[in-house]
Amino acid sequence: MTTVVFYEKPGCLGNAKQKQLLARRGHCLHVRNLLSEPWTAERLRRFFGERPVRQWLNPSAPRVKSGEIDPAALDEPTALALMLADPLLIRRPLLETEFGRCAGFEPGPVLDALGMHIAAGEDLQSCLREQAGGSASASAPTCDDLARSERA
């Protein structure tokens, strides 16, 4: 079992599904609100690794979808400043583990180390609300939930 700090947008259907998948693998989730976290540019930057700047932003963010912000036209300092001012722009989830940090729920070293092997063509990143038009609030148990149930 690995401890995963999972920065989410509360109520996000995609994040709920991602948390469930991690919990089913036995990982201990410490869930944080991505929107209210006191980010700094330096701290936020660590989650993006070598990804191109255009992949740092959430493609489902209203300002990106409307065309107000073109992620491909941004340099690193501008992208970080925009995300700090409007956390809805941050690609999510942000994951922090003993294996490293990452942004998004896509194949890569961190998810591989967590045993989350995503099949070719399987999309666990896109906004489920846009895909299905539904609403749900399924959530995975956090480490705090598990500790409370063990004490009861």
C-alpha atoms as a PDB file:
ATOM      1  CA  MET A   1       0.000   0.000   0.000  1.00  0.00           C
ATOM      2  CA  THR A   2       1.267   3.410  -0.993  1.00  0.00           C
ATOM      3  CA  THR A   3       0.173   6.742   0.423  1.00  0.00           C
ATOM      4  CA  VAL A   4      -1.128   9.003  -2.337  1.00  0.00           C
ATOM      5  CA  VAL A   5      -1.814  12.688  -1.819  1.00  0.00           C
ATOM      6  CA  PHE A   6      -4.636  13.252  -4.307  1.00  0.00           C
ATOM      7  CA  TYR A   7      -5.417  16.862  -5.213  1.00  0.00           C
ATOM      8  CA  GLU A   8      -8.913  17.012  -6.677  1.00  0.00           C
ATOM      9  CA  LYS A   9     -11.674  19.359  -7.659  1.00  0.00           C
ATOM     10  CA  PRO A  10     -14.412  18.414  -5.181  1.00  0.00           C
ATOM     11  CA  GLY A  11     -17.412  16.960  -7.007  1.00  0.00           C
ATOM     12  CA  CYS A  12     -15.446  16.058 -10.146  1.00  0.00           C
ATOM     13  CA  LEU A  13     -16.809  12.762 -11.494  1.00  0.00           C
ATOM     14  CA  GLY A  14     -13.497  11.849 -13.117  1.00  0.00           C
ATOM     15  CA  ASN A  15     -11.608  12.418  -9.879  1.00  0.00           C
ATOM     16  CA  ALA A  16     -14.163  10.269  -8.011  1.00  0.00           C
ATOM     17  CA  LYS A  17     -13.581   7.389 -10.433  1.00  0.00           C
ATOM     18  CA  GLN A  18      -9.802   7.821 -10.230  1.00  0.00           C
ATOM     19  CA  LYS A  19      -9.905   7.731  -6.399  1.00  0.00           C
ATOM     20  CA  GLN A  20     -11.978   4.554  -6.485  1.00  0.00           C
ATOM     21  CA  LEU A  21      -9.478   2.870  -8.803  1.00  0.00           C
ATOM     22  CA  LEU A  22      -6.555   3.786  -6.539  1.00  0.00           C
ATOM     23  CA  ALA A  23      -8.415   2.662  -3.394  1.00  0.00           C
ATOM     24  CA  ARG A  24      -9.279  -0.690  -5.018  1.00  0.00           C
ATOM     25  CA  ARG A  25      -5.553  -1.198  -5.552  1.00  0.00           C
ATOM     26  CA  GLY A  26      -5.108  -0.763  -1.797  1.00  0.00           C
ATOM     27  CA  HIS A  27      -3.568   2.714  -1.837  1.00  0.00           C
ATOM     28  CA  CYS A  28      -4.104   5.068   1.081  1.00  0.00           C
ATOM     29  CA  LEU A  29      -5.563   8.347  -0.178  1.00  0.00           C
ATOM     30  CA  HIS A  30      -5.047  11.713   1.452  1.00  0.00           C
ATOM     31  CA  VAL A  31      -7.505  13.824  -0.525  1.00  0.00           C
ATOM     32  CA  ARG A  32      -6.918  17.580  -0.806  1.00  0.00           C
ATOM     33  CA  ASN A  33      -8.915  20.327  -2.462  1.00  0.00           C
ATOM     34  CA  LEU A  34      -6.915  21.469  -5.483  1.00  0.00           C
ATOM     35  CA  LEU A  35      -8.877  24.737  -5.630  1.00  0.00           C
ATOM     36  CA  SER A  36      -8.142  25.892  -2.073  1.00  0.00           C
ATOM     37  CA  GLU A  37      -4.582  24.580  -1.709  1.00  0.00           C
ATOM     38  CA  PRO A  38      -2.097  27.441  -1.106  1.00  0.00           C
ATOM     39  CA  TRP A  39       0.015  26.817  -4.227  1.00  0.00           C
ATOM     40  CA  THR A  40       3.263  28.534  -5.111  1.00  0.00           C
ATOM     41  CA  ALA A  41       4.679  28.519  -8.624  1.00  0.00           C
ATOM     42  CA  GLU A  42       7.660  26.441  -7.495  1.00  0.00           C
ATOM     43  CA  ARG A  43       5.543  23.831  -5.731  1.00  0.00           C
ATOM     44  CA  LEU A  44       2.995  23.542  -8.539  1.00  0.00           C
ATOM     45  CA  ARG A  45       5.720  23.308 -11.204  1.00  0.00           C
ATOM     46  CA  ARG A  46       7.038  20.046  -9.681  1.00  0.00           C
ATOM     47  CA  PHE A  47       3.916  18.150 -10.764  1.00  0.00           C
ATOM     48  CA  PHE A  48       4.472  18.728 -14.485  1.00  0.00           C
ATOM     49  CA  GLY A  49       7.943  17.247 -14.913  1.00  0.00           C
ATOM     50  CA  GLU A  50       9.082  17.313 -18.522  1.00  0.00           C
ATOM     51  CA  ARG A  51       5.589  17.705 -19.998  1.00  0.00           C
ATOM     52  CA  PRO A  52       5.194  20.513 -22.512  1.00  0.00           C
ATOM     53  CA  VAL A  53       3.494  23.592 -21.040  1.00  0.00           C
ATOM     54  CA  ARG A  54       0.427  23.086 -23.273  1.00  0.00           C
ATOM     55  CA  GLN A  55      -0.270  19.857 -21.325  1.00  0.00           C
ATOM     56  CA  TRP A  56      -0.227  21.552 -17.924  1.00  0.00           C
ATOM     57  CA  LEU A  57      -3.680  23.067 -18.268  1.00  0.00           C
ATOM     58  CA  ASN A  58      -7.023  21.347 -17.870  1.00  0.00           C
ATOM     59  CA  PRO A  59      -8.557  21.107 -21.357  1.00  0.00           C
ATOM     60  CA  SER A  60     -12.036  21.044 -19.753  1.00  0.00           C
ATOM     61  CA  ALA A  61     -11.530  24.353 -17.921  1.00  0.00           C
ATOM     62  CA  PRO A  62     -14.113  26.899 -19.105  1.00  0.00           C
ATOM     63  CA  ARG A  63     -11.480  29.489 -20.086  1.00  0.00           C
ATOM     64  CA  VAL A  64      -9.620  26.894 -22.176  1.00  0.00           C
ATOM     65  CA  LYS A  65     -12.760  25.457 -23.782  1.00  0.00           C
ATOM     66  CA  SER A  66     -14.018  28.920 -24.691  1.00  0.00           C
ATOM     67  CA  GLY A  67     -10.728  29.785 -26.405  1.00  0.00           C
ATOM     68  CA  GLU A  68      -9.955  32.626 -23.996  1.00  0.00           C
ATOM     69  CA  ILE A  69      -6.735  30.795 -23.095  1.00  0.00           C
ATOM     70  CA  ASP A  70      -4.704  28.870 -25.662  1.00  0.00           C
ATOM     71  CA  PRO A  71      -2.399  26.496 -23.746  1.00  0.00           C
ATOM     72  CA  ALA A  72      -0.178  26.057 -26.819  1.00  0.00           C
ATOM     73  CA  ALA A  73       0.614  29.784 -26.797  1.00  0.00           C
ATOM     74  CA  LEU A  74       1.788  29.945 -23.166  1.00  0.00           C
ATOM     75  CA  ASP A  75       5.292  30.002 -21.764  1.00  0.00           C
ATOM     76  CA  GLU A  76       6.082  28.455 -18.386  1.00  0.00           C
ATOM     77  CA  PRO A  77       5.886  31.600 -16.194  1.00  0.00           C
ATOM     78  CA  THR A  78       2.615  32.712 -17.803  1.00  0.00           C
ATOM     79  CA  ALA A  79       1.010  29.280 -17.449  1.00  0.00           C
ATOM     80  CA  LEU A  80       1.994  29.067 -13.781  1.00  0.00           C
ATOM     81  CA  ALA A  81       0.710  32.590 -13.087  1.00  0.00           C
ATOM     82  CA  LEU A  82      -2.622  31.805 -14.750  1.00  0.00           C
ATOM     83  CA  MET A  83      -3.029  28.545 -12.793  1.00  0.00           C
ATOM     84  CA  LEU A  84      -2.182  30.234  -9.491  1.00  0.00           C
ATOM     85  CA  ALA A  85      -4.797  32.917 -10.201  1.00  0.00           C
ATOM     86  CA  ASP A  86      -7.410  30.407 -11.424  1.00  0.00           C
ATOM     87  CA  PRO A  87      -6.865  26.863 -10.074  1.00  0.00           C
ATOM     88  CA  LEU A  88      -9.637  25.509 -12.339  1.00  0.00           C
ATOM     89  CA  LEU A  89      -6.982  25.733 -15.051  1.00  0.00           C
ATOM     90  CA  ILE A  90      -4.744  23.141 -13.343  1.00  0.00           C
ATOM     91  CA  ARG A  91      -4.798  19.719 -15.004  1.00  0.00           C
ATOM     92  CA  ARG A  92      -6.091  17.250 -12.466  1.00  0.00           C
ATOM     93  CA  PRO A  93      -5.722  15.260 -10.464  1.00  0.00           C
ATOM     94  CA  LEU A  94      -2.350  16.139  -9.063  1.00  0.00           C
ATOM     95  CA  LEU A  95      -0.775  13.098  -7.424  1.00  0.00           C
ATOM     96  CA  GLU A  96       2.078  13.072  -4.936  1.00  0.00           C
ATOM     97  CA  THR A  97       3.604   9.730  -3.929  1.00  0.00           C
ATOM     98  CA  GLU A  98       6.875   8.201  -2.830  1.00  0.00           C
ATOM     99  CA  PHE A  99       7.414   7.469  -6.547  1.00  0.00           C
ATOM    100  CA  GLY A 100       7.123  11.097  -7.592  1.00  0.00           C
ATOM    101  CA  ARG A 101       4.503  13.603  -8.675  1.00  0.00           C
ATOM    102  CA  CYS A 102       2.294  13.869 -11.741  1.00  0.00           C
ATOM    103  CA  ALA A 103      -0.560  15.865 -13.218  1.00  0.00           C
ATOM    104  CA  GLY A 104      -3.436  13.991 -14.817  1.00  0.00           C
ATOM    105  CA  PHE A 105      -4.455  10.353 -14.717  1.00  0.00           C
ATOM    106  CA  GLU A 106      -2.631   9.101 -17.781  1.00  0.00           C
ATOM    107  CA  PRO A 107       0.027   6.439 -18.372  1.00  0.00           C
ATOM    108  CA  GLY A 108       3.400   7.355 -16.951  1.00  0.00           C
ATOM    109  CA  PRO A 109       5.977   6.400 -14.320  1.00  0.00           C
ATOM    110  CA  VAL A 110       3.927   7.385 -11.249  1.00  0.00           C
ATOM    111  CA  LEU A 111       0.758   5.537 -12.260  1.00  0.00           C
ATOM    112  CA  ASP A 112       2.835   2.562 -13.420  1.00  0.00           C
ATOM    113  CA  ALA A 113       4.531   2.401 -10.003  1.00  0.00           C
ATOM    114  CA  LEU A 114       1.072   2.460  -8.381  1.00  0.00           C
ATOM    115  CA  GLY A 115       0.008  -0.528 -10.489  1.00  0.00           C
ATOM    116  CA  MET A 116      -2.433   1.557 -12.521  1.00  0.00           C
ATOM    117  CA  HIS A 117      -1.865   0.148 -15.980  1.00  0.00           C
ATOM    118  CA  ILE A 118      -4.214   1.968 -18.324  1.00  0.00           C
ATOM    119  CA  ALA A 119      -5.185   0.036 -21.432  1.00  0.00           C
ATOM    120  CA  ALA A 120      -4.634   1.552 -24.861  1.00  0.00           C
ATOM    121  CA  GLY A 121      -7.659   3.645 -25.731  1.00  0.00           C
ATOM    122  CA  GLU A 122      -8.922   3.728 -22.128  1.00  0.00           C
ATOM    123  CA  ASP A 123      -9.637   7.326 -21.112  1.00  0.00           C
ATOM    124  CA  LEU A 124      -9.542   7.946 -17.378  1.00  0.00           C
ATOM    125  CA  GLN A 125      -8.562  11.589 -17.796  1.00  0.00           C
ATOM    126  CA  SER A 126     -11.387  13.283 -19.701  1.00  0.00           C
ATOM    127  CA  CYS A 127     -14.269  14.960 -17.947  1.00  0.00           C
ATOM    128  CA  LEU A 128     -16.914  12.311 -17.257  1.00  0.00           C
ATOM    129  CA  ARG A 129     -19.608  14.984 -16.933  1.00  0.00           C
ATOM    130  CA  GLU A 130     -18.964  15.955 -20.557  1.00  0.00           C
ATOM    131  CA  GLN A 131     -18.903  12.311 -21.664  1.00  0.00           C
ATOM    132  CA  ALA A 132     -22.096  11.214 -19.896  1.00  0.00           C
ATOM    133  CA  GLY A 133     -23.913  14.385 -18.979  1.00  0.00           C
ATOM    134  CA  GLY A 134     -24.652  12.898 -15.547  1.00  0.00           C
ATOM    135  CA  SER A 135     -23.833  13.744 -12.005  1.00  0.00           C
ATOM    136  CA  ALA A 136     -22.585  11.561  -9.222  1.00  0.00           C
ATOM    137  CA  SER A 137     -20.466  11.993  -6.170  1.00  0.00           C
ATOM    138  CA  ALA A 138     -18.933   8.577  -5.598  1.00  0.00           C
ATOM    139  CA  SER A 139     -15.880   8.728  -3.431  1.00  0.00           C
ATOM    140  CA  ALA A 140     -13.223   6.354  -2.263  1.00  0.00           C
ATOM    141  CA  PRO A 141     -12.420   5.970   1.420  1.00  0.00           C
ATOM    142  CA  THR A 142      -9.521   8.104   2.593  1.00  0.00           C
ATOM    143  CA  CYS A 143      -6.899   7.066   5.147  1.00  0.00           C
ATOM    144  CA  ASP A 144      -8.735   9.213   7.697  1.00  0.00           C
ATOM    145  CA  ASP A 145     -11.997   7.334   6.949  1.00  0.00           C
ATOM    146  CA  LEU A 146     -10.234   3.981   7.404  1.00  0.00           C
ATOM    147  CA  ALA A 147      -8.666   5.068  10.700  1.00  0.00           C
ATOM    148  CA  ARG A 148     -12.056   6.233  12.033  1.00  0.00           C
ATOM    149  CA  SER A 149     -13.714   2.935  11.078  1.00  0.00           C
ATOM    150  CA  GLU A 150     -10.932   0.932  12.746  1.00  0.00           C
ATOM    151  CA  ARG A 151     -11.420   2.903  16.006  1.00  0.00           C
ATOM    152  CA  ALA A 152     -15.198   2.382  15.956  1.00  0.00           C
END
